[in-house]
N, C-alpha and C. Protein backbone atom coordinates (compact mmCIF):
# COMPACT_ATOMS: atom_id res chain seq x y z
N MET A 1 56.36 5.91 51.47
CA MET A 1 55.31 4.92 51.42
C MET A 1 55.63 3.96 50.28
N GLU A 2 55.52 2.70 50.52
CA GLU A 2 55.87 1.68 49.56
C GLU A 2 54.84 1.61 48.43
N GLY A 3 55.33 1.42 47.21
CA GLY A 3 54.43 1.25 46.08
C GLY A 3 53.98 2.56 45.45
N VAL A 4 54.36 3.70 46.02
CA VAL A 4 53.99 4.99 45.45
C VAL A 4 55.23 5.57 44.80
N ARG A 5 55.10 5.91 43.51
CA ARG A 5 56.24 6.46 42.79
C ARG A 5 56.06 7.96 42.63
N GLU A 6 57.15 8.69 42.81
CA GLU A 6 57.12 10.13 42.64
C GLU A 6 57.18 10.47 41.16
N PRO A 7 56.50 11.52 40.74
CA PRO A 7 56.64 11.95 39.35
C PRO A 7 58.05 12.47 39.11
N VAL A 8 58.56 12.25 37.94
CA VAL A 8 59.90 12.69 37.59
C VAL A 8 59.80 14.08 36.96
N LEU A 9 60.56 15.02 37.48
CA LEU A 9 60.58 16.37 36.94
C LEU A 9 61.88 16.57 36.19
N ASP A 10 61.80 16.99 34.95
CA ASP A 10 62.99 17.34 34.20
C ASP A 10 62.71 18.57 33.36
N ALA A 11 63.72 19.05 32.66
CA ALA A 11 63.58 20.29 31.90
C ALA A 11 62.58 20.16 30.76
N LYS A 12 62.27 18.94 30.33
CA LYS A 12 61.36 18.73 29.21
C LYS A 12 59.91 18.59 29.66
N SER A 13 59.66 18.52 30.96
CA SER A 13 58.30 18.37 31.46
C SER A 13 57.47 19.59 31.10
N GLN A 14 56.25 19.36 30.68
CA GLN A 14 55.35 20.45 30.32
C GLN A 14 54.21 20.51 31.31
N VAL A 15 53.97 21.69 31.86
CA VAL A 15 52.89 21.88 32.81
C VAL A 15 51.61 22.12 32.02
N THR A 16 50.58 21.33 32.31
CA THR A 16 49.32 21.48 31.60
C THR A 16 48.27 22.18 32.46
N ASN A 17 48.43 22.14 33.77
CA ASN A 17 47.51 22.81 34.68
C ASN A 17 48.32 23.62 35.68
N GLN A 18 47.71 24.68 36.19
CA GLN A 18 48.39 25.52 37.17
C GLN A 18 47.51 25.68 38.40
N LEU A 19 48.11 25.44 39.55
CA LEU A 19 47.39 25.62 40.81
C LEU A 19 47.23 27.10 41.07
N VAL A 20 45.98 27.55 41.22
CA VAL A 20 45.67 28.96 41.46
C VAL A 20 45.46 29.21 42.95
N ASP A 21 44.78 28.28 43.62
CA ASP A 21 44.48 28.46 45.04
C ASP A 21 44.39 27.09 45.70
N PHE A 22 44.86 27.03 46.94
CA PHE A 22 44.84 25.79 47.73
C PHE A 22 44.32 26.15 49.11
N GLN A 23 43.20 25.56 49.51
CA GLN A 23 42.65 25.79 50.84
C GLN A 23 42.35 24.45 51.48
N TRP A 24 42.48 24.40 52.77
CA TRP A 24 42.12 23.18 53.49
C TRP A 24 41.53 23.56 54.83
N LYS A 25 40.70 22.66 55.35
CA LYS A 25 40.17 22.87 56.69
C LYS A 25 40.01 21.52 57.36
N LEU A 26 40.23 21.55 58.64
CA LEU A 26 40.12 20.35 59.46
C LEU A 26 38.68 20.25 59.96
N GLY A 27 38.12 19.08 59.87
CA GLY A 27 36.75 18.88 60.32
C GLY A 27 36.60 17.61 61.14
N MET A 28 35.50 17.52 61.86
CA MET A 28 35.20 16.34 62.65
C MET A 28 33.70 16.11 62.58
N ALA A 29 33.32 15.04 61.93
CA ALA A 29 31.90 14.69 61.88
C ALA A 29 31.61 13.80 63.08
N VAL A 30 30.54 14.10 63.78
CA VAL A 30 30.20 13.29 64.96
C VAL A 30 29.11 12.28 64.67
N SER A 31 28.28 12.53 63.64
CA SER A 31 27.27 11.55 63.26
C SER A 31 26.73 11.90 61.87
N SER A 32 26.04 10.95 61.28
CA SER A 32 25.41 11.18 59.99
C SER A 32 24.12 10.37 59.91
N ASP A 33 23.39 10.50 58.83
CA ASP A 33 22.15 9.74 58.66
C ASP A 33 22.41 8.24 58.64
N SER A 34 23.55 7.84 58.08
CA SER A 34 23.82 6.41 57.93
C SER A 34 24.74 5.82 58.99
N CYS A 35 25.31 6.67 59.82
CA CYS A 35 26.24 6.16 60.83
C CYS A 35 26.04 6.94 62.12
N ARG A 36 25.85 6.23 63.21
CA ARG A 36 25.57 6.88 64.50
C ARG A 36 26.78 7.59 65.09
N SER A 37 27.96 7.01 64.90
CA SER A 37 29.12 7.56 65.56
C SER A 37 30.30 7.68 64.59
N LEU A 38 30.61 8.90 64.26
CA LEU A 38 31.80 9.19 63.45
C LEU A 38 32.70 10.05 64.31
N LYS A 39 33.82 9.53 64.69
CA LYS A 39 34.68 10.28 65.60
C LYS A 39 36.08 10.47 65.03
N TYR A 40 36.20 10.45 63.72
CA TYR A 40 37.51 10.60 63.11
C TYR A 40 37.61 11.94 62.40
N PRO A 41 38.70 12.67 62.66
CA PRO A 41 38.87 13.94 61.96
C PRO A 41 39.19 13.71 60.49
N TYR A 42 38.91 14.70 59.68
CA TYR A 42 39.22 14.64 58.26
C TYR A 42 39.70 16.02 57.81
N VAL A 43 40.31 16.05 56.65
CA VAL A 43 40.74 17.31 56.05
C VAL A 43 39.98 17.49 54.75
N ALA A 44 39.29 18.61 54.62
CA ALA A 44 38.61 18.96 53.37
C ALA A 44 39.56 19.86 52.58
N VAL A 45 39.85 19.48 51.35
CA VAL A 45 40.78 20.22 50.49
C VAL A 45 39.99 20.83 49.33
N MET A 46 40.25 22.10 49.07
CA MET A 46 39.62 22.80 47.95
C MET A 46 40.73 23.38 47.08
N LEU A 47 40.75 22.99 45.81
CA LEU A 47 41.76 23.47 44.88
C LEU A 47 41.09 24.28 43.77
N LYS A 48 41.77 25.31 43.31
CA LYS A 48 41.39 26.02 42.09
C LYS A 48 42.53 25.80 41.12
N VAL A 49 42.21 25.23 39.97
CA VAL A 49 43.22 24.87 38.99
C VAL A 49 42.87 25.51 37.65
N ALA A 50 43.85 26.17 37.02
CA ALA A 50 43.65 26.76 35.69
C ALA A 50 44.20 25.78 34.66
N ASP A 51 43.38 25.45 33.65
CA ASP A 51 43.86 24.56 32.60
C ASP A 51 44.64 25.36 31.56
N HIS A 52 45.12 24.70 30.51
CA HIS A 52 45.97 25.36 29.52
C HIS A 52 45.29 26.54 28.82
N SER A 53 43.96 26.57 28.80
CA SER A 53 43.24 27.68 28.17
C SER A 53 42.97 28.82 29.15
N GLY A 54 43.28 28.62 30.43
CA GLY A 54 43.06 29.64 31.45
C GLY A 54 41.76 29.48 32.20
N GLN A 55 40.95 28.50 31.81
CA GLN A 55 39.68 28.26 32.51
C GLN A 55 39.96 27.69 33.89
N ILE A 56 39.34 28.26 34.91
CA ILE A 56 39.57 27.82 36.29
C ILE A 56 38.50 26.82 36.68
N LYS A 57 38.97 25.70 37.23
CA LYS A 57 38.07 24.66 37.70
C LYS A 57 38.30 24.45 39.18
N ASN A 58 37.21 24.22 39.91
CA ASN A 58 37.29 23.93 41.34
C ASN A 58 37.28 22.42 41.55
N LYS A 59 38.17 21.96 42.38
CA LYS A 59 38.24 20.55 42.75
C LYS A 59 38.21 20.47 44.26
N SER A 60 37.42 19.56 44.80
CA SER A 60 37.38 19.39 46.25
C SER A 60 37.30 17.92 46.59
N PHE A 61 37.92 17.57 47.71
CA PHE A 61 37.92 16.20 48.18
C PHE A 61 38.27 16.18 49.66
N GLU A 62 38.03 15.04 50.29
CA GLU A 62 38.33 14.87 51.71
C GLU A 62 39.35 13.76 51.88
N MET A 63 40.17 13.92 52.90
CA MET A 63 41.21 12.93 53.20
C MET A 63 41.29 12.73 54.71
N THR A 64 41.83 11.59 55.08
CA THR A 64 42.14 11.37 56.49
C THR A 64 43.38 12.19 56.83
N ILE A 65 43.66 12.36 58.10
CA ILE A 65 44.85 13.12 58.52
C ILE A 65 46.13 12.50 57.95
N PRO A 66 46.34 11.16 58.06
CA PRO A 66 47.56 10.58 57.48
C PRO A 66 47.65 10.77 55.96
N GLN A 67 46.53 10.69 55.25
CA GLN A 67 46.54 10.93 53.80
C GLN A 67 46.96 12.36 53.49
N PHE A 68 46.44 13.32 54.25
CA PHE A 68 46.78 14.72 54.02
C PHE A 68 48.25 14.97 54.32
N GLN A 69 48.77 14.38 55.39
CA GLN A 69 50.18 14.55 55.72
C GLN A 69 51.06 14.03 54.59
N PHE A 70 50.72 12.87 54.03
CA PHE A 70 51.48 12.30 52.92
C PHE A 70 51.35 13.19 51.68
N PHE A 71 50.14 13.64 51.37
CA PHE A 71 49.88 14.52 50.23
C PHE A 71 50.70 15.80 50.35
N PHE A 72 50.70 16.41 51.54
CA PHE A 72 51.43 17.65 51.76
C PHE A 72 52.93 17.44 51.64
N LEU A 73 53.43 16.34 52.20
CA LEU A 73 54.85 16.01 52.14
C LEU A 73 55.31 15.85 50.70
N ILE A 74 54.57 15.08 49.91
CA ILE A 74 54.92 14.85 48.52
C ILE A 74 54.83 16.15 47.73
N SER A 75 53.78 16.95 47.95
CA SER A 75 53.59 18.21 47.23
C SER A 75 54.73 19.18 47.49
N THR A 76 55.10 19.35 48.75
CA THR A 76 56.16 20.30 49.07
C THR A 76 57.51 19.79 48.60
N ASP A 77 57.72 18.47 48.65
CA ASP A 77 58.97 17.90 48.17
C ASP A 77 59.11 18.09 46.66
N ASN A 78 58.04 17.88 45.91
CA ASN A 78 58.08 18.08 44.46
C ASN A 78 58.28 19.55 44.12
N SER A 79 57.69 20.45 44.89
CA SER A 79 57.88 21.88 44.66
C SER A 79 59.34 22.25 44.90
N ARG A 80 59.93 21.70 45.94
CA ARG A 80 61.34 21.98 46.23
C ARG A 80 62.22 21.48 45.10
N LYS A 81 61.93 20.28 44.58
CA LYS A 81 62.72 19.72 43.47
C LYS A 81 62.59 20.57 42.21
N LEU A 82 61.37 21.07 41.95
CA LEU A 82 61.16 21.91 40.79
C LEU A 82 61.94 23.21 40.91
N LEU A 83 61.94 23.83 42.09
CA LEU A 83 62.70 25.05 42.30
C LEU A 83 64.19 24.82 42.11
N GLN A 84 64.69 23.69 42.59
CA GLN A 84 66.10 23.35 42.40
C GLN A 84 66.41 23.18 40.92
N LEU A 85 65.51 22.54 40.20
CA LEU A 85 65.69 22.34 38.76
C LEU A 85 65.73 23.67 38.03
N LEU A 86 64.84 24.59 38.39
CA LEU A 86 64.79 25.90 37.74
C LEU A 86 66.04 26.71 38.01
N LYS A 87 66.65 26.54 39.17
CA LYS A 87 67.89 27.25 39.49
C LYS A 87 69.02 26.79 38.59
N LEU A 88 68.96 25.54 38.11
CA LEU A 88 70.02 25.01 37.23
C LEU A 88 69.90 25.52 35.81
N CYS A 89 68.73 26.00 35.43
CA CYS A 89 68.51 26.46 34.03
C CYS A 89 69.00 27.87 33.84
């Protein structure tokens, strides 16, 4: 995607938060109080993240299907790069 830069991972990078749990579910809203017709699927994402002190915080948000696909692609690609980096150390 144009205009989006990937984070750079190197041996000096310091992790400040740790992903504890990742859940997602596909949903489809058909109507709401403010809109008669909602016919687009969405992905609800729920994250549990531990900060540097170990306190766990819940984060949740919704994305469109294309947003989730891009998010997942970037996340797995960065994880793969990090694993490759760790193999070099």
